[in-house]
Amino acid sequence: MRWARRIALAEIVWCAGLLAASALLGGIPLPTPIVMSAFLLALPVLGVPVIAAERLQIRETGRVSAGGYWLWRLLRETMSGRLLIASWLLFVGFWVVGALSMGSPSVQEWGAGTYAAQIHGQWTVISKAQYLPLKAQGQRVILSVPGGLCVAAAVLSTALLRREERREAVRPKS
């Protein structure tokens, strides 16, 4: 579980760095492989703590509940209030960046220096100066998703690790 937390923390820094680079470059889009690299580990890193949390819930309660009360109780018991608030703000921050960037139209490069934007279902030819900021804005939407998912993965894996540390401290040594 420690490796999942380390990867999640690295992904958070990577996504935040890419978002900052996208904003600081003045609307110049990042290369697509770099943007898509943020998704490379985001879903597996979130999947591992979710599955581990379900297994822990089954071990402790004997069943999996549909509600999130057990998960909230796990977080509340293992994490400090300040850490939960800070992680919540970071999570919301990623999603706010994505939500604010969602209004951009779909853009494409048609080749030979011709760029187009789809506005209200109609393709309109635009200049390169208009194309670059719109493409960068679309990339910010893409980068906010794995950033938010990795915040959730880091928080959940930290809670699970702390629960396991408490269980080890209570367990009698033989």
Protein backbone atom coordinates (compact mmCIF):
# COMPACT_ATOMS: atom_id res chain seq x y z
CA MET A 1 0.00 0.00 0.00
CA ARG A 2 2.96 2.31 0.57
CA TRP A 3 3.86 2.14 -3.11
CA ALA A 4 0.30 3.17 -4.05
CA ARG A 5 0.55 6.20 -1.80
CA ARG A 6 3.96 7.17 -3.18
CA ILE A 7 2.75 6.88 -6.76
CA ALA A 8 -0.41 8.86 -5.93
CA LEU A 9 1.64 11.64 -4.34
CA ALA A 10 3.98 11.72 -7.35
CA GLU A 11 0.96 11.87 -9.69
CA ILE A 12 -0.51 14.78 -7.69
CA VAL A 13 2.73 16.72 -8.08
CA TRP A 14 2.94 15.75 -11.78
CA CYS A 15 -0.63 16.88 -12.54
CA ALA A 16 -0.25 20.10 -10.55
CA GLY A 17 3.02 20.81 -12.33
CA LEU A 18 1.47 20.22 -15.74
CA LEU A 19 -1.47 22.46 -14.86
CA ALA A 20 0.90 25.18 -13.71
CA ALA A 21 3.03 24.79 -16.84
CA SER A 22 -0.06 25.01 -19.01
CA ALA A 23 -1.16 28.19 -17.28
CA LEU A 24 2.30 29.78 -17.16
CA LEU A 25 3.15 29.12 -20.80
CA GLY A 26 0.52 31.63 -21.82
CA GLY A 27 -1.84 29.25 -23.54
CA ILE A 28 0.69 27.08 -25.34
CA PRO A 29 -0.56 23.48 -25.22
CA LEU A 30 1.65 20.73 -23.88
CA PRO A 31 2.53 17.72 -26.06
CA THR A 32 -0.29 15.17 -26.00
CA PRO A 33 1.86 12.23 -24.74
CA ILE A 34 2.87 14.30 -21.71
CA VAL A 35 -0.75 15.17 -20.94
CA MET A 36 -1.88 11.56 -21.33
CA SER A 37 0.96 10.36 -19.09
CA ALA A 38 -1.03 11.74 -16.17
CA PHE A 39 -3.63 9.01 -16.76
CA LEU A 40 -1.04 6.24 -16.91
CA LEU A 41 -1.20 5.38 -13.22
CA ALA A 42 -4.16 7.37 -11.93
CA LEU A 43 -6.83 4.67 -12.26
CA PRO A 44 -4.73 1.73 -11.00
CA VAL A 45 -3.46 3.83 -8.09
CA LEU A 46 -7.03 4.63 -7.08
CA GLY A 47 -8.22 1.06 -7.67
CA VAL A 48 -5.76 -0.56 -5.28
CA PRO A 49 -6.82 1.41 -2.15
CA VAL A 50 -10.51 1.07 -3.03
CA ILE A 51 -10.21 -2.72 -3.26
CA ALA A 52 -8.11 -2.81 -0.07
CA ALA A 53 -10.73 -0.68 1.74
CA GLU A 54 -13.50 -3.06 0.67
CA ARG A 55 -11.46 -6.05 1.87
CA LEU A 56 -10.84 -4.31 5.20
CA GLN A 57 -14.52 -3.52 5.55
CA ILE A 58 -15.46 -7.15 4.91
CA ARG A 59 -12.85 -8.30 7.45
CA GLU A 60 -14.07 -5.88 10.12
CA THR A 61 -17.85 -5.90 9.56
CA GLY A 62 -18.43 -9.11 7.64
CA ARG A 63 -20.13 -7.34 4.73
CA VAL A 64 -19.77 -4.52 2.22
CA SER A 65 -22.16 -1.67 2.79
CA ALA A 66 -23.45 0.41 -0.09
CA GLY A 67 -23.16 3.71 1.77
CA GLY A 68 -20.04 5.68 2.43
CA TYR A 69 -20.44 5.80 6.20
CA TRP A 70 -17.85 3.12 6.87
CA LEU A 71 -15.33 4.88 4.62
CA TRP A 72 -16.00 8.22 6.29
CA ARG A 73 -15.53 6.60 9.71
CA LEU A 74 -12.21 5.11 8.54
CA LEU A 75 -10.99 8.52 7.37
CA ARG A 76 -12.20 10.29 10.51
CA GLU A 77 -10.53 7.76 12.83
CA THR A 78 -7.17 7.67 11.07
CA MET A 79 -6.66 11.17 9.67
CA SER A 80 -6.42 14.52 11.43
CA GLY A 81 -9.05 17.13 10.67
CA ARG A 82 -6.48 19.50 9.19
CA LEU A 83 -5.16 16.84 6.83
CA LEU A 84 -8.68 15.94 5.73
CA ILE A 85 -9.51 19.60 5.09
CA ALA A 86 -6.27 20.17 3.18
CA SER A 87 -6.81 17.09 1.03
CA TRP A 88 -10.43 18.08 0.42
CA LEU A 89 -9.33 21.55 -0.70
CA LEU A 90 -6.72 20.05 -3.03
CA PHE A 91 -9.29 17.62 -4.45
CA VAL A 92 -11.82 20.41 -4.99
CA GLY A 93 -9.08 22.61 -6.45
CA PHE A 94 -8.34 20.08 -9.18
CA TRP A 95 -12.02 19.76 -10.01
CA VAL A 96 -12.59 23.52 -10.02
CA VAL A 97 -9.76 23.95 -12.52
CA GLY A 98 -11.41 21.31 -14.69
CA ALA A 99 -14.86 22.84 -14.36
CA LEU A 100 -13.62 26.31 -15.21
CA SER A 101 -11.88 24.96 -18.30
CA MET A 102 -14.86 22.96 -19.58
CA GLY A 103 -16.46 25.72 -21.62
CA SER A 104 -13.88 25.58 -24.38
CA PRO A 105 -15.00 24.48 -27.84
CA SER A 106 -13.58 21.42 -29.53
CA VAL A 107 -10.57 22.33 -31.64
CA GLN A 108 -8.67 20.48 -34.34
CA GLU A 109 -5.72 21.07 -36.60
CA TRP A 110 -6.73 20.28 -40.14
CA GLY A 111 -3.18 20.45 -41.46
CA ALA A 112 -1.25 22.96 -43.52
CA GLY A 113 -1.66 25.59 -40.81
CA THR A 114 -5.46 25.42 -40.83
CA TYR A 115 -7.16 25.27 -37.44
CA ALA A 116 -10.84 24.88 -36.66
CA ALA A 117 -13.13 25.14 -33.65
CA GLN A 118 -16.53 23.52 -33.28
CA ILE A 119 -18.89 26.16 -31.94
CA HIS A 120 -22.58 25.25 -31.59
CA GLY A 121 -22.13 22.27 -33.91
CA GLN A 122 -20.54 24.30 -36.71
CA TRP A 123 -16.85 24.09 -37.61
CA THR A 124 -15.27 27.52 -37.92
CA VAL A 125 -11.76 28.21 -39.20
CA ILE A 126 -9.70 30.03 -36.57
CA SER A 127 -6.17 31.38 -36.37
CA LYS A 128 -3.28 29.66 -34.67
CA ALA A 129 -3.32 32.40 -32.00
CA GLN A 130 -6.92 31.41 -31.17
CA TYR A 131 -6.26 27.66 -31.50
CA LEU A 132 -3.36 27.34 -29.00
CA PRO A 133 -5.13 28.76 -25.91
CA LEU A 134 -8.27 26.72 -26.66
CA LYS A 135 -6.26 23.52 -26.94
CA ALA A 136 -4.39 24.31 -23.69
CA GLN A 137 -7.73 24.95 -21.99
CA GLY A 138 -9.01 21.56 -23.13
CA GLN A 139 -5.87 19.92 -21.76
CA ARG A 140 -6.47 21.47 -18.35
CA VAL A 141 -9.81 19.64 -18.20
CA ILE A 142 -8.00 16.39 -18.95
CA LEU A 143 -5.30 17.03 -16.32
CA SER A 144 -7.72 17.87 -13.53
CA VAL A 145 -9.32 14.40 -13.55
CA PRO A 146 -6.24 12.28 -12.69
CA GLY A 147 -5.11 14.95 -10.22
CA GLY A 148 -8.37 14.69 -8.28
CA LEU A 149 -8.38 10.89 -8.45
CA CYS A 150 -4.82 10.71 -7.11
CA VAL A 151 -5.70 12.98 -4.19
CA ALA A 152 -8.46 10.52 -3.29
CA ALA A 153 -6.05 7.60 -3.70
CA ALA A 154 -3.42 9.23 -1.48
CA VAL A 155 -5.92 9.98 1.27
CA LEU A 156 -7.47 6.52 1.20
CA SER A 157 -4.11 4.72 1.11
CA THR A 158 -2.85 6.86 4.01
CA ALA A 159 -5.94 5.99 6.05
CA LEU A 160 -5.49 2.28 5.32
CA LEU A 161 -1.80 2.39 6.23
CA ARG A 162 -2.57 4.15 9.51
CA ARG A 163 -5.27 1.60 10.34
CA GLU A 164 -2.79 -1.21 9.68
CA GLU A 165 -0.14 0.51 11.84
CA ARG A 166 -2.64 0.77 14.72
CA ARG A 167 -3.57 -2.88 14.31
CA GLU A 168 0.12 -3.88 14.43
CA ALA A 169 0.68 -1.76 17.56
CA VAL A 170 -2.22 -3.46 19.37
CA ARG A 171 -1.37 -7.00 18.22
CA PRO A 172 0.50 -8.98 20.90
CA LYS A 173 4.09 -9.83 20.01
CA SER A 174 4.96 -13.51 20.04
